[in-house]
Amino acid sequence: MGGRRGGYGRRGAKRGWAEGRWTEAEARRALSAWGESGLSLAAWCEGEGLGYERVRRWRGRLGSGARTAALLPVHVVGSDGAPDSLSFELELPRGLRVHVPARFEAESLATLLRVLEARP
């Protein structure tokens, strides 16, 4: 039963996560740990031995504010200083890269990042 996809087995319990049904406090603790990890939800669940769908459902139940932002290292790659070269590139977990031009709409970028983050 430990390999069940729902995440209710013993695999998650070995890492300190409660077996069986979670309370809201336990779910918030898990979502906070995920947010601090900087990993995609799928990668974090796999590493913790928890079922992706279980954590995803709690994230939906508790609202989008349940995840905290994680700071990731930034590597500055040289620029010749010309205005057209003021773009930047984001490297996301799972190796995804997003090239962002110097002029971009913040809301569009935020929407794109939410869509990419939600992908399993």
PDB file of N, CA and C in Angstrom:
ATOM      1  N   MET A   1       0.816  -1.191   0.000  1.00  0.00           N
ATOM      2  CA  MET A   1       0.000   0.000   0.000  1.00  0.00           C
ATOM      3  C   MET A   1       0.862   1.259   0.000  1.00  0.00           C
ATOM      4  N   GLY A   2       2.164   1.118   0.336  1.00  0.00           N
ATOM      5  CA  GLY A   2       3.047   2.274   0.406  1.00  0.00           C
ATOM      6  C   GLY A   2       3.284   2.954  -0.917  1.00  0.00           C
ATOM      7  N   GLY A   3       3.065   2.253  -2.051  1.00  0.00           N
ATOM      8  CA  GLY A   3       3.318   2.863  -3.336  1.00  0.00           C
ATOM      9  C   GLY A   3       2.090   3.492  -3.966  1.00  0.00           C
ATOM     10  N   ARG A   4       1.007   3.604  -3.218  1.00  0.00           N
ATOM     11  CA  ARG A   4      -0.205   4.190  -3.797  1.00  0.00           C
ATOM     12  C   ARG A   4       0.042   5.592  -4.281  1.00  0.00           C
ATOM     13  N   ARG A   5      -0.539   5.911  -5.406  1.00  0.00           N
ATOM     14  CA  ARG A   5      -0.355   7.215  -6.003  1.00  0.00           C
ATOM     15  C   ARG A   5      -1.003   8.339  -5.211  1.00  0.00           C
ATOM     16  N   GLY A   6      -1.997   8.026  -4.406  1.00  0.00           N
ATOM     17  CA  GLY A   6      -2.701   9.054  -3.650  1.00  0.00           C
ATOM     18  C   GLY A   6      -1.877   9.660  -2.529  1.00  0.00           C
ATOM     19  N   GLY A   7      -0.757   9.052  -2.175  1.00  0.00           N
ATOM     20  CA  GLY A   7       0.117   9.630  -1.172  1.00  0.00           C
ATOM     21  C   GLY A   7      -0.311   9.328   0.255  1.00  0.00           C
ATOM     22  N   TYR A   8      -1.161   8.312   0.455  1.00  0.00           N
ATOM     23  CA  TYR A   8      -1.641   8.021   1.790  1.00  0.00           C
ATOM     24  C   TYR A   8      -0.839   6.913   2.456  1.00  0.00           C
ATOM     25  N   GLY A   9       0.112   6.369   1.757  1.00  0.00           N
ATOM     26  CA  GLY A   9       0.883   5.246   2.285  1.00  0.00           C
ATOM     27  C   GLY A   9       2.024   5.690   3.174  1.00  0.00           C
ATOM     28  N   ARG A  10       2.919   4.762   3.462  1.00  0.00           N
ATOM     29  CA  ARG A  10       4.000   5.013   4.406  1.00  0.00           C
ATOM     30  C   ARG A  10       5.166   5.803   3.820  1.00  0.00           C
ATOM     31  N   ARG A  11       5.279   5.902   2.491  1.00  0.00           N
ATOM     32  CA  ARG A  11       6.430   6.610   1.929  1.00  0.00           C
ATOM     33  C   ARG A  11       6.516   8.038   2.462  1.00  0.00           C
ATOM     34  N   GLY A  12       5.398   8.763   2.441  1.00  0.00           N
ATOM     35  CA  GLY A  12       5.390  10.128   2.944  1.00  0.00           C
ATOM     36  C   GLY A  12       5.606  10.195   4.438  1.00  0.00           C
ATOM     37  N   ALA A  13       5.140   9.183   5.159  1.00  0.00           N
ATOM     38  CA  ALA A  13       5.278   9.168   6.613  1.00  0.00           C
ATOM     39  C   ALA A  13       6.747   9.090   7.018  1.00  0.00           C
ATOM     40  N   LYS A  14       7.581   8.464   6.225  1.00  0.00           N
ATOM     41  CA  LYS A  14       9.003   8.345   6.543  1.00  0.00           C
ATOM     42  C   LYS A  14       9.676   9.715   6.585  1.00  0.00           C
ATOM     43  N   ARG A  15       9.125  10.669   5.891  1.00  0.00           N
ATOM     44  CA  ARG A  15       9.705  12.007   5.854  1.00  0.00           C
ATOM     45  C   ARG A  15       8.988  12.971   6.798  1.00  0.00           C
ATOM     46  N   GLY A  16       8.145  12.442   7.660  1.00  0.00           N
ATOM     47  CA  GLY A  16       7.502  13.292   8.648  1.00  0.00           C
ATOM     48  C   GLY A  16       6.107  13.758   8.288  1.00  0.00           C
ATOM     49  N   TRP A  17       5.560  13.324   7.174  1.00  0.00           N
ATOM     50  CA  TRP A  17       4.206  13.729   6.794  1.00  0.00           C
ATOM     51  C   TRP A  17       3.212  12.746   7.388  1.00  0.00           C
ATOM     52  N   ALA A  18       2.096  13.266   7.844  1.00  0.00           N
ATOM     53  CA  ALA A  18       1.071  12.447   8.491  1.00  0.00           C
ATOM     54  C   ALA A  18       0.482  11.437   7.518  1.00  0.00           C
ATOM     55  N   GLU A  19       0.219  10.244   8.034  1.00  0.00           N
ATOM     56  CA  GLU A  19      -0.485   9.237   7.242  1.00  0.00           C
ATOM     57  C   GLU A  19      -1.976   9.535   7.307  1.00  0.00           C
ATOM     58  N   GLY A  20      -2.736   8.973   6.408  1.00  0.00           N
ATOM     59  CA  GLY A  20      -4.188   9.169   6.426  1.00  0.00           C
ATOM     60  C   GLY A  20      -4.563  10.585   6.039  1.00  0.00           C
ATOM     61  N   ARG A  21      -5.678  11.025   6.544  1.00  0.00           N
ATOM     62  CA  ARG A  21      -6.176  12.356   6.203  1.00  0.00           C
ATOM     63  C   ARG A  21      -5.365  13.437   6.912  1.00  0.00           C
ATOM     64  N   TRP A  22      -5.081  14.498   6.175  1.00  0.00           N
ATOM     65  CA  TRP A  22      -4.383  15.641   6.751  1.00  0.00           C
ATOM     66  C   TRP A  22      -5.382  16.602   7.368  1.00  0.00           C
ATOM     67  N   THR A  23      -4.944  17.286   8.407  1.00  0.00           N
ATOM     68  CA  THR A  23      -5.693  18.433   8.901  1.00  0.00           C
ATOM     69  C   THR A  23      -5.289  19.632   8.045  1.00  0.00           C
ATOM     70  N   GLU A  24      -6.012  20.714   8.165  1.00  0.00           N
ATOM     71  CA  GLU A  24      -5.648  21.915   7.422  1.00  0.00           C
ATOM     72  C   GLU A  24      -4.252  22.386   7.812  1.00  0.00           C
ATOM     73  N   ALA A  25      -3.908  22.287   9.091  1.00  0.00           N
ATOM     74  CA  ALA A  25      -2.582  22.716   9.551  1.00  0.00           C
ATOM     75  C   ALA A  25      -1.478  21.873   8.912  1.00  0.00           C
ATOM     76  N   GLU A  26      -1.703  20.554   8.802  1.00  0.00           N
ATOM     77  CA  GLU A  26      -0.708  19.680   8.175  1.00  0.00           C
ATOM     78  C   GLU A  26      -0.551  20.020   6.697  1.00  0.00           C
ATOM     79  N   ALA A  27      -1.668  20.294   6.042  1.00  0.00           N
ATOM     80  CA  ALA A  27      -1.611  20.655   4.621  1.00  0.00           C
ATOM     81  C   ALA A  27      -0.877  21.973   4.437  1.00  0.00           C
ATOM     82  N   ARG A  28      -1.141  22.933   5.296  1.00  0.00           N
ATOM     83  CA  ARG A  28      -0.437  24.222   5.197  1.00  0.00           C
ATOM     84  C   ARG A  28       1.069  24.042   5.414  1.00  0.00           C
ATOM     85  N   ARG A  29       1.432  23.173   6.344  1.00  0.00           N
ATOM     86  CA  ARG A  29       2.860  22.897   6.589  1.00  0.00           C
ATOM     87  C   ARG A  29       3.506  22.294   5.346  1.00  0.00           C
ATOM     88  N   ALA A  30       2.812  21.351   4.705  1.00  0.00           N
ATOM     89  CA  ALA A  30       3.345  20.727   3.489  1.00  0.00           C
ATOM     90  C   ALA A  30       3.457  21.747   2.369  1.00  0.00           C
ATOM     91  N   LEU A  31       2.431  22.572   2.173  1.00  0.00           N
ATOM     92  CA  LEU A  31       2.459  23.570   1.107  1.00  0.00           C
ATOM     93  C   LEU A  31       3.543  24.613   1.354  1.00  0.00           C
ATOM     94  N   SER A  32       3.757  24.953   2.602  1.00  0.00           N
ATOM     95  CA  SER A  32       4.825  25.895   2.924  1.00  0.00           C
ATOM     96  C   SER A  32       6.198  25.291   2.604  1.00  0.00           C
ATOM     97  N   ALA A  33       6.379  24.020   2.970  1.00  0.00           N
ATOM     98  CA  ALA A  33       7.649  23.340   2.672  1.00  0.00           C
ATOM     99  C   ALA A  33       7.873  23.264   1.172  1.00  0.00           C
ATOM    100  N   TRP A  34       6.808  22.987   0.420  1.00  0.00           N
ATOM    101  CA  TRP A  34       6.931  22.956  -1.040  1.00  0.00           C
ATOM    102  C   TRP A  34       7.331  24.326  -1.561  1.00  0.00           C
ATOM    103  N   GLY A  35       6.660  25.379  -1.089  1.00  0.00           N
ATOM    104  CA  GLY A  35       6.962  26.729  -1.558  1.00  0.00           C
ATOM    105  C   GLY A  35       8.398  27.135  -1.295  1.00  0.00           C
ATOM    106  N   GLU A  36       8.926  26.723  -0.158  1.00  0.00           N
ATOM    107  CA  GLU A  36      10.306  27.069   0.186  1.00  0.00           C
ATOM    108  C   GLU A  36      11.320  26.262  -0.611  1.00  0.00           C
ATOM    109  N   SER A  37      10.877  25.144  -1.186  1.00  0.00           N
ATOM    110  CA  SER A  37      11.810  24.276  -1.906  1.00  0.00           C
ATOM    111  C   SER A  37      12.250  24.847  -3.249  1.00  0.00           C
ATOM    112  N   GLY A  38      11.391  25.654  -3.883  1.00  0.00           N
ATOM    113  CA  GLY A  38      11.702  26.165  -5.209  1.00  0.00           C
ATOM    114  C   GLY A  38      11.472  25.154  -6.321  1.00  0.00           C
ATOM    115  N   LEU A  39      10.973  23.966  -5.984  1.00  0.00           N
ATOM    116  CA  LEU A  39      10.730  22.908  -6.962  1.00  0.00           C
ATOM    117  C   LEU A  39       9.319  23.001  -7.517  1.00  0.00           C
ATOM    118  N   SER A  40       9.110  22.359  -8.648  1.00  0.00           N
ATOM    119  CA  SER A  40       7.743  22.220  -9.148  1.00  0.00           C
ATOM    120  C   SER A  40       7.000  21.321  -8.161  1.00  0.00           C
ATOM    121  N   LEU A  41       5.686  21.408  -8.169  1.00  0.00           N
ATOM    122  CA  LEU A  41       4.902  20.584  -7.250  1.00  0.00           C
ATOM    123  C   LEU A  41       5.160  19.103  -7.504  1.00  0.00           C
ATOM    124  N   ALA A  42       5.205  18.701  -8.762  1.00  0.00           N
ATOM    125  CA  ALA A  42       5.425  17.290  -9.099  1.00  0.00           C
ATOM    126  C   ALA A  42       6.780  16.800  -8.575  1.00  0.00           C
ATOM    127  N   ALA A  43       7.827  17.586  -8.776  1.00  0.00           N
ATOM    128  CA  ALA A  43       9.166  17.178  -8.325  1.00  0.00           C
ATOM    129  C   ALA A  43       9.232  17.119  -6.802  1.00  0.00           C
ATOM    130  N   TRP A  44       8.614  18.091  -6.135  1.00  0.00           N
ATOM    131  CA  TRP A  44       8.636  18.095  -4.675  1.00  0.00           C
ATOM    132  C   TRP A  44       7.890  16.896  -4.116  1.00  0.00           C
ATOM    133  N   CYS A  45       6.702  16.615  -4.661  1.00  0.00           N
ATOM    134  CA  CYS A  45       5.916  15.475  -4.185  1.00  0.00           C
ATOM    135  C   CYS A  45       6.686  14.170  -4.358  1.00  0.00           C
ATOM    136  N   GLU A  46       7.337  14.018  -5.500  1.00  0.00           N
ATOM    137  CA  GLU A  46       8.110  12.803  -5.749  1.00  0.00           C
ATOM    138  C   GLU A  46       9.234  12.660  -4.720  1.00  0.00           C
ATOM    139  N   GLY A  47       9.937  13.754  -4.459  1.00  0.00           N
ATOM    140  CA  GLY A  47      11.039  13.720  -3.493  1.00  0.00           C
ATOM    141  C   GLY A  47      10.567  13.452  -2.070  1.00  0.00           C
ATOM    142  N   GLU A  48       9.370  13.901  -1.747  1.00  0.00           N
ATOM    143  CA  GLU A  48       8.837  13.720  -0.390  1.00  0.00           C
ATOM    144  C   GLU A  48       8.058  12.419  -0.236  1.00  0.00           C
ATOM    145  N   GLY A  49       7.822  11.736  -1.349  1.00  0.00           N
ATOM    146  CA  GLY A  49       7.052  10.500  -1.287  1.00  0.00           C
ATOM    147  C   GLY A  49       5.570  10.735  -1.080  1.00  0.00           C
ATOM    148  N   LEU A  50       5.079  11.880  -1.557  1.00  0.00           N
ATOM    149  CA  LEU A  50       3.658  12.219  -1.417  1.00  0.00           C
ATOM    150  C   LEU A  50       2.976  12.183  -2.775  1.00  0.00           C
ATOM    151  N   GLY A  51       1.691  11.930  -2.776  1.00  0.00           N
ATOM    152  CA  GLY A  51       0.911  11.909  -4.007  1.00  0.00           C
ATOM    153  C   GLY A  51       0.678  13.316  -4.527  1.00  0.00           C
ATOM    154  N   TYR A  52       0.980  13.531  -5.792  1.00  0.00           N
ATOM    155  CA  TYR A  52       0.817  14.840  -6.431  1.00  0.00           C
ATOM    156  C   TYR A  52      -0.624  15.331  -6.316  1.00  0.00           C
ATOM    157  N   GLU A  53      -1.584  14.481  -6.629  1.00  0.00           N
ATOM    158  CA  GLU A  53      -2.985  14.894  -6.620  1.00  0.00           C
ATOM    159  C   GLU A  53      -3.435  15.311  -5.227  1.00  0.00           C
ATOM    160  N   ARG A  54      -2.966  14.625  -4.216  1.00  0.00           N
ATOM    161  CA  ARG A  54      -3.333  14.971  -2.843  1.00  0.00           C
ATOM    162  C   ARG A  54      -2.900  16.395  -2.509  1.00  0.00           C
ATOM    163  N   VAL A  55      -1.663  16.713  -2.788  1.00  0.00           N
ATOM    164  CA  VAL A  55      -1.138  18.039  -2.461  1.00  0.00           C
ATOM    165  C   VAL A  55      -1.777  19.096  -3.363  1.00  0.00           C
ATOM    166  N   ARG A  56      -1.987  18.754  -4.627  1.00  0.00           N
ATOM    167  CA  ARG A  56      -2.625  19.694  -5.553  1.00  0.00           C
ATOM    168  C   ARG A  56      -4.030  20.050  -5.081  1.00  0.00           C
ATOM    169  N   ARG A  57      -4.779  19.050  -4.613  1.00  0.00           N
ATOM    170  CA  ARG A  57      -6.138  19.314  -4.114  1.00  0.00           C
ATOM    171  C   ARG A  57      -6.103  20.238  -2.894  1.00  0.00           C
ATOM    172  N   TRP A  58      -5.161  20.011  -1.981  1.00  0.00           N
ATOM    173  CA  TRP A  58      -5.057  20.895  -0.823  1.00  0.00           C
ATOM    174  C   TRP A  58      -4.667  22.305  -1.253  1.00  0.00           C
ATOM    175  N   ARG A  59      -3.799  22.419  -2.230  1.00  0.00           N
ATOM    176  CA  ARG A  59      -3.417  23.750  -2.726  1.00  0.00           C
ATOM    177  C   ARG A  59      -4.645  24.471  -3.251  1.00  0.00           C
ATOM    178  N   GLY A  60      -5.483  23.767  -4.006  1.00  0.00           N
ATOM    179  CA  GLY A  60      -6.709  24.366  -4.516  1.00  0.00           C
ATOM    180  C   GLY A  60      -7.688  24.708  -3.408  1.00  0.00           C
ATOM    181  N   ARG A  61      -7.787  23.844  -2.425  1.00  0.00           N
ATOM    182  CA  ARG A  61      -8.719  24.052  -1.318  1.00  0.00           C
ATOM    183  C   ARG A  61      -8.321  25.253  -0.462  1.00  0.00           C
ATOM    184  N   LEU A  62      -7.028  25.432  -0.263  1.00  0.00           N
ATOM    185  CA  LEU A  62      -6.546  26.513   0.598  1.00  0.00           C
ATOM    186  C   LEU A  62      -6.298  27.799  -0.167  1.00  0.00           C
ATOM    187  N   GLY A  63      -6.411  27.759  -1.483  1.00  0.00           N
ATOM    188  CA  GLY A  63      -6.225  28.964  -2.276  1.00  0.00           C
ATOM    189  C   GLY A  63      -4.809  29.120  -2.771  1.00  0.00           C
ATOM    190  N   SER A  64      -4.657  29.985  -3.758  1.00  0.00           N
ATOM    191  CA  SER A  64      -3.358  30.157  -4.403  1.00  0.00           C
ATOM    192  C   SER A  64      -2.336  30.803  -3.489  1.00  0.00           C
ATOM    193  N   GLY A  65      -2.768  31.466  -2.423  1.00  0.00           N
ATOM    194  CA  GLY A  65      -1.826  32.112  -1.516  1.00  0.00           C
ATOM    195  C   GLY A  65      -1.090  31.136  -0.624  1.00  0.00           C
ATOM    196  N   ALA A  66      -1.396  29.838  -0.744  1.00  0.00           N
ATOM    197  CA  ALA A  66      -0.778  28.857   0.137  1.00  0.00           C
ATOM    198  C   ALA A  66       0.695  28.650  -0.166  1.00  0.00           C
ATOM    199  N   ARG A  67       1.138  28.981  -1.347  1.00  0.00           N
ATOM    200  CA  ARG A  67       2.540  28.791  -1.701  1.00  0.00           C
ATOM    201  C   ARG A  67       3.301  30.092  -1.509  1.00  0.00           C
ATOM    202  N   THR A  68       4.435  30.007  -0.894  1.00  0.00           N
ATOM    203  CA  THR A  68       5.269  31.181  -0.724  1.00  0.00           C
ATOM    204  C   THR A  68       6.290  31.230  -1.851  1.00  0.00           C
ATOM    205  N   ALA A  69       6.719  32.418  -2.187  1.00  0.00           N
ATOM    206  CA  ALA A  69       7.704  32.568  -3.250  1.00  0.00           C
ATOM    207  C   ALA A  69       9.065  32.103  -2.751  1.00  0.00           C
ATOM    208  N   ALA A  70       9.808  31.500  -3.640  1.00  0.00           N
ATOM    209  CA  ALA A  70      11.156  31.060  -3.302  1.00  0.00           C
ATOM    210  C   ALA A  70      12.152  31.912  -4.074  1.00  0.00           C
ATOM    211  N   LEU A  71      13.217  32.294  -3.423  1.00  0.00           N
ATOM    212  CA  LEU A  71      14.271  33.035  -4.099  1.00  0.00           C
ATOM    213  C   LEU A  71      15.263  32.041  -4.677  1.00  0.00           C
ATOM    214  N   LEU A  72      15.600  32.251  -5.925  1.00  0.00           N
ATOM    215  CA  LEU A  72      16.539  31.371  -6.603  1.00  0.00           C
ATOM    216  C   LEU A  72      17.758  32.178  -7.011  1.00  0.00           C
ATOM    217  N   PRO A  73      18.893  31.523  -7.159  1.00  0.00           N
ATOM    218  CA  PRO A  73      20.094  32.258  -7.552  1.00  0.00           C
ATOM    219  C   PRO A  73      19.961  32.838  -8.956  1.00  0.00           C
ATOM    220  N   VAL A  74      20.577  33.988  -9.151  1.00  0.00           N
ATOM    221  CA  VAL A  74      20.566  34.663 -10.445  1.00  0.00           C
ATOM    222  C   VAL A  74      21.999  34.734 -10.942  1.00  0.00           C
ATOM    223  N   HIS A  75      22.203  34.364 -12.196  1.00  0.00           N
ATOM    224  CA  HIS A  75      23.523  34.452 -12.812  1.00  0.00           C
ATOM    225  C   HIS A  75      23.442  35.507 -13.906  1.00  0.00           C
ATOM    226  N   VAL A  76      24.231  36.555 -13.783  1.00  0.00           N
ATOM    227  CA  VAL A  76      24.225  37.631 -14.765  1.00  0.00           C
ATOM    228  C   VAL A  76      25.181  37.266 -15.882  1.00  0.00           C
ATOM    229  N   VAL A  77      24.631  37.270 -17.094  1.00  0.00           N
ATOM    230  CA  VAL A  77      25.441  36.988 -18.279  1.00  0.00           C
ATOM    231  C   VAL A  77      25.706  38.325 -18.938  1.00  0.00           C
ATOM    232  N   GLY A  78      26.915  38.563 -19.386  1.00  0.00           N
ATOM    233  CA  GLY A  78      27.337  39.844 -19.938  1.00  0.00           C
ATOM    234  C   GLY A  78      26.367  40.485 -20.906  1.00  0.00           C
ATOM    235  N   SER A  79      26.424  41.791 -20.967  1.00  0.00           N
ATOM    236  CA  SER A  79      25.595  42.584 -21.868  1.00  0.00           C
ATOM    237  C   SER A  79      26.469  43.688 -22.431  1.00  0.00           C
ATOM    238  N   ASP A  80      26.216  44.052 -23.681  1.00  0.00           N
ATOM    239  CA  ASP A  80      27.007  45.132 -24.259  1.00  0.00           C
ATOM    240  C   ASP A  80      26.433  46.502 -23.897  1.00  0.00           C
ATOM    241  N   GLY A  81      25.332  46.517 -23.127  1.00  0.00           N
ATOM    242  CA  GLY A  81      24.777  47.774 -22.650  1.00  0.00           C
ATOM    243  C   GLY A  81      23.822  48.449 -23.618  1.00  0.00           C
ATOM    244  N   ALA A  82      23.702  47.957 -24.838  1.00  0.00           N
ATOM    245  CA  ALA A  82      22.779  48.562 -25.795  1.00  0.00           C
ATOM    246  C   ALA A  82      21.341  48.328 -25.326  1.00  0.00           C
ATOM    247  N   PRO A  83      20.446  49.306 -25.523  1.00  0.00           N
ATOM    248  CA  PRO A  83      19.069  49.177 -25.055  1.00  0.00           C
ATOM    249  C   PRO A  83      18.360  47.909 -25.521  1.00  0.00           C
ATOM    250  N   ASP A  84      18.643  47.453 -26.732  1.00  0.00           N
ATOM    251  CA  ASP A  84      17.988  46.253 -27.248  1.00  0.00           C
ATOM    252  C   ASP A  84      18.471  44.991 -26.553  1.00  0.00           C
ATOM    253  N   SER A  85      19.594  45.063 -25.858  1.00  0.00           N
ATOM    254  CA  SER A  85      20.137  43.864 -25.226  1.00  0.00           C
ATOM    255  C   SER A  85      19.743  43.759 -23.747  1.00  0.00           C
ATOM    256  N   LEU A  86      18.801  44.573 -23.298  1.00  0.00           N
ATOM    257  CA  LEU A  86      18.422  44.570 -21.896  1.00  0.00           C
ATOM    258  C   LEU A  86      17.361  43.521 -21.571  1.00  0.00           C
ATOM    259  N   SER A  87      17.283  42.491 -22.360  1.00  0.00           N
ATOM    260  CA  SER A  87      16.359  41.398 -22.059  1.00  0.00           C
ATOM    261  C   SER A  87      16.999  40.476 -21.027  1.00  0.00           C
ATOM    262  N   PHE A  88      16.232  39.554 -20.522  1.00  0.00           N
ATOM    263  CA  PHE A  88      16.780  38.584 -19.581  1.00  0.00           C
ATOM    264  C   PHE A  88      16.103  37.242 -19.807  1.00  0.00           C
ATOM    265  N   GLU A  89      16.691  36.235 -19.216  1.00  0.00           N
ATOM    266  CA  GLU A  89      16.180  34.874 -19.362  1.00  0.00           C
ATOM    267  C   GLU A  89      15.990  34.273 -17.980  1.00  0.00           C
ATOM    268  N   LEU A  90      14.835  33.630 -17.800  1.00  0.00           N
ATOM    269  CA  LEU A  90      14.542  32.946 -16.538  1.00  0.00           C
ATOM    270  C   LEU A  90      14.728  31.462 -16.752  1.00  0.00           C
ATOM    271  N   GLU A  91      15.451  30.830 -15.859  1.00  0.00           N
ATOM    272  CA  GLU A  91      15.563  29.375 -15.892  1.00  0.00           C
ATOM    273  C   GLU A  91      14.725  28.838 -14.744  1.00  0.00           C
ATOM    274  N   LEU A  92      13.690  28.105 -15.102  1.00  0.00           N
ATOM    275  CA  LEU A  92      12.737  27.587 -14.129  1.00  0.00           C
ATOM    276  C   LEU A  92      13.111  26.172 -13.728  1.00  0.00           C
ATOM    277  N   PRO A  93      12.537  25.698 -12.616  1.00  0.00           N
ATOM    278  CA  PRO A  93      12.766  24.292 -12.258  1.00  0.00           C
ATOM    279  C   PRO A  93      12.374  23.399 -13.435  1.00  0.00           C
ATOM    280  N   ARG A  94      12.923  22.230 -13.512  1.00  0.00           N
ATOM    281  CA  ARG A  94      12.731  21.262 -14.594  1.00  0.00           C
ATOM    282  C   ARG A  94      13.428  21.714 -15.875  1.00  0.00           C
ATOM    283  N   GLY A  95      14.292  22.729 -15.812  1.00  0.00           N
ATOM    284  CA  GLY A  95      15.080  23.117 -16.964  1.00  0.00           C
ATOM    285  C   GLY A  95      14.385  24.001 -17.987  1.00  0.00           C
ATOM    286  N   LEU A  96      13.181  24.463 -17.707  1.00  0.00           N
ATOM    287  CA  LEU A  96      12.484  25.349 -18.642  1.00  0.00           C
ATOM    288  C   LEU A  96      13.145  26.723 -18.625  1.00  0.00           C
ATOM    289  N   ARG A  97      13.248  27.340 -19.800  1.00  0.00           N
ATOM    290  CA  ARG A  97      13.819  28.685 -19.907  1.00  0.00           C
ATOM    291  C   ARG A  97      12.819  29.602 -20.588  1.00  0.00           C
ATOM    292  N   VAL A  98      12.705  30.811 -20.060  1.00  0.00           N
ATOM    293  CA  VAL A  98      11.805  31.817 -20.625  1.00  0.00           C
ATOM    294  C   VAL A  98      12.634  33.050 -20.931  1.00  0.00           C
ATOM    295  N   HIS A  99      12.657  33.445 -22.200  1.00  0.00           N
ATOM    296  CA  HIS A  99      13.364  34.656 -22.617  1.00  0.00           C
ATOM    297  C   HIS A  99      12.379  35.817 -22.510  1.00  0.00           C
ATOM    298  N   VAL A 100      12.760  36.857 -21.766  1.00  0.00           N
ATOM    299  CA  VAL A 100      11.874  37.997 -21.529  1.00  0.00           C
ATOM    300  C   VAL A 100      12.528  39.238 -22.135  1.00  0.00           C
ATOM    301  N   PRO A 101      11.853  39.876 -23.079  1.00  0.00           N
ATOM    302  CA  PRO A 101      12.426  41.078 -23.700  1.00  0.00           C
ATOM    303  C   PRO A 101      12.462  42.248 -22.714  1.00  0.00           C
ATOM    304  N   ALA A 102      13.205  43.289 -23.073  1.00  0.00           N
ATOM    305  CA  ALA A 102      13.349  44.456 -22.199  1.00  0.00           C
ATOM    306  C   ALA A 102      11.992  45.068 -21.874  1.00  0.00           C
ATOM    307  N   ARG A 103      11.122  45.121 -22.856  1.00  0.00           N
ATOM    308  CA  ARG A 103       9.775  45.661 -22.640  1.00  0.00           C
ATOM    309  C   ARG A 103       8.802  44.489 -22.619  1.00  0.00           C
ATOM    310  N   PHE A 104       8.171  44.268 -21.494  1.00  0.00           N
ATOM    311  CA  PHE A 104       7.211  43.174 -21.365  1.00  0.00           C
ATOM    312  C   PHE A 104       6.093  43.615 -20.436  1.00  0.00           C
ATOM    313  N   GLU A 105       4.969  42.939 -20.541  1.00  0.00           N
ATOM    314  CA  GLU A 105       3.836  43.220 -19.657  1.00  0.00           C
ATOM    315  C   GLU A 105       3.939  42.298 -18.451  1.00  0.00           C
ATOM    316  N   ALA A 106       4.037  42.872 -17.277  1.00  0.00           N
ATOM    317  CA  ALA A 106       4.225  42.096 -16.051  1.00  0.00           C
ATOM    318  C   ALA A 106       3.097  41.084 -15.849  1.00  0.00           C
ATOM    319  N   GLU A 107       1.862  41.484 -16.118  1.00  0.00           N
ATOM    320  CA  GLU A 107       0.731  40.569 -15.910  1.00  0.00           C
ATOM    321  C   GLU A 107       0.811  39.379 -16.865  1.00  0.00           C
ATOM    322  N   SER A 108       1.228  39.622 -18.105  1.00  0.00           N
ATOM    323  CA  SER A 108       1.372  38.518 -19.061  1.00  0.00           C
ATOM    324  C   SER A 108       2.467  37.552 -18.615  1.00  0.00           C
ATOM    325  N   LEU A 109       3.571  38.095 -18.137  1.00  0.00           N
ATOM    326  CA  LEU A 109       4.654  37.241 -17.656  1.00  0.00           C
ATOM    327  C   LEU A 109       4.197  36.444 -16.435  1.00  0.00           C
ATOM    328  N   ALA A 110       3.485  37.089 -15.521  1.00  0.00           N
ATOM    329  CA  ALA A 110       2.995  36.397 -14.329  1.00  0.00           C
ATOM    330  C   ALA A 110       2.047  35.265 -14.713  1.00  0.00           C
ATOM    331  N   THR A 111       1.179  35.509 -15.688  1.00  0.00           N
ATOM    332  CA  THR A 111       0.255  34.470 -16.154  1.00  0.00           C
ATOM    333  C   THR A 111       1.020  33.307 -16.766  1.00  0.00           C
ATOM    334  N   LEU A 112       1.997  33.604 -17.604  1.00  0.00           N
ATOM    335  CA  LEU A 112       2.807  32.562 -18.222  1.00  0.00           C
ATOM    336  C   LEU A 112       3.518  31.721 -17.159  1.00  0.00           C
ATOM    337  N   LEU A 113       4.096  32.352 -16.162  1.00  0.00           N
ATOM    338  CA  LEU A 113       4.810  31.615 -15.113  1.00  0.00           C
ATOM    339  C   LEU A 113       3.855  30.738 -14.307  1.00  0.00           C
ATOM    340  N   ARG A 114       2.639  31.220 -14.035  1.00  0.00           N
ATOM    341  CA  ARG A 114       1.660  30.388 -13.324  1.00  0.00           C
ATOM    342  C   ARG A 114       1.287  29.155 -14.143  1.00  0.00           C
ATOM    343  N   VAL A 115       1.116  29.337 -15.451  1.00  0.00           N
ATOM    344  CA  VAL A 115       0.777  28.205 -16.331  1.00  0.00           C
ATOM    345  C   VAL A 115       1.915  27.191 -16.356  1.00  0.00           C
ATOM    346  N   LEU A 116       3.133  27.665 -16.501  1.00  0.00           N
ATOM    347  CA  LEU A 116       4.286  26.752 -16.544  1.00  0.00           C
ATOM    348  C   LEU A 116       4.487  26.054 -15.212  1.00  0.00           C
ATOM    349  N   GLU A 117       4.265  26.756 -14.110  1.00  0.00           N
ATOM    350  CA  GLU A 117       4.437  26.170 -12.798  1.00  0.00           C
ATOM    351  C   GLU A 117       3.403  25.086 -12.515  1.00  0.00           C
ATOM    352  N   ALA A 118       2.210  25.239 -13.067  1.00  0.00           N
ATOM    353  CA  ALA A 118       1.125  24.285 -12.823  1.00  0.00           C
ATOM    354  C   ALA A 118       1.293  22.990 -13.611  1.00  0.00           C
ATOM    355  N   ARG A 119       2.139  23.012 -14.639  1.00  0.00           N
ATOM    356  CA  ARG A 119       2.340  21.808 -15.452  1.00  0.00           C
ATOM    357  C   ARG A 119       3.033  20.742 -14.632  1.00  0.00           C
ATOM    358  N   PRO A 120       2.516  19.495 -14.709  1.00  0.00           N
ATOM    359  CA  PRO A 120       3.175  18.401 -13.964  1.00  0.00           C
ATOM    360  C   PRO A 120       4.527  18.041 -14.534  1.00  0.00           C
TER     361      PRO A 120
END
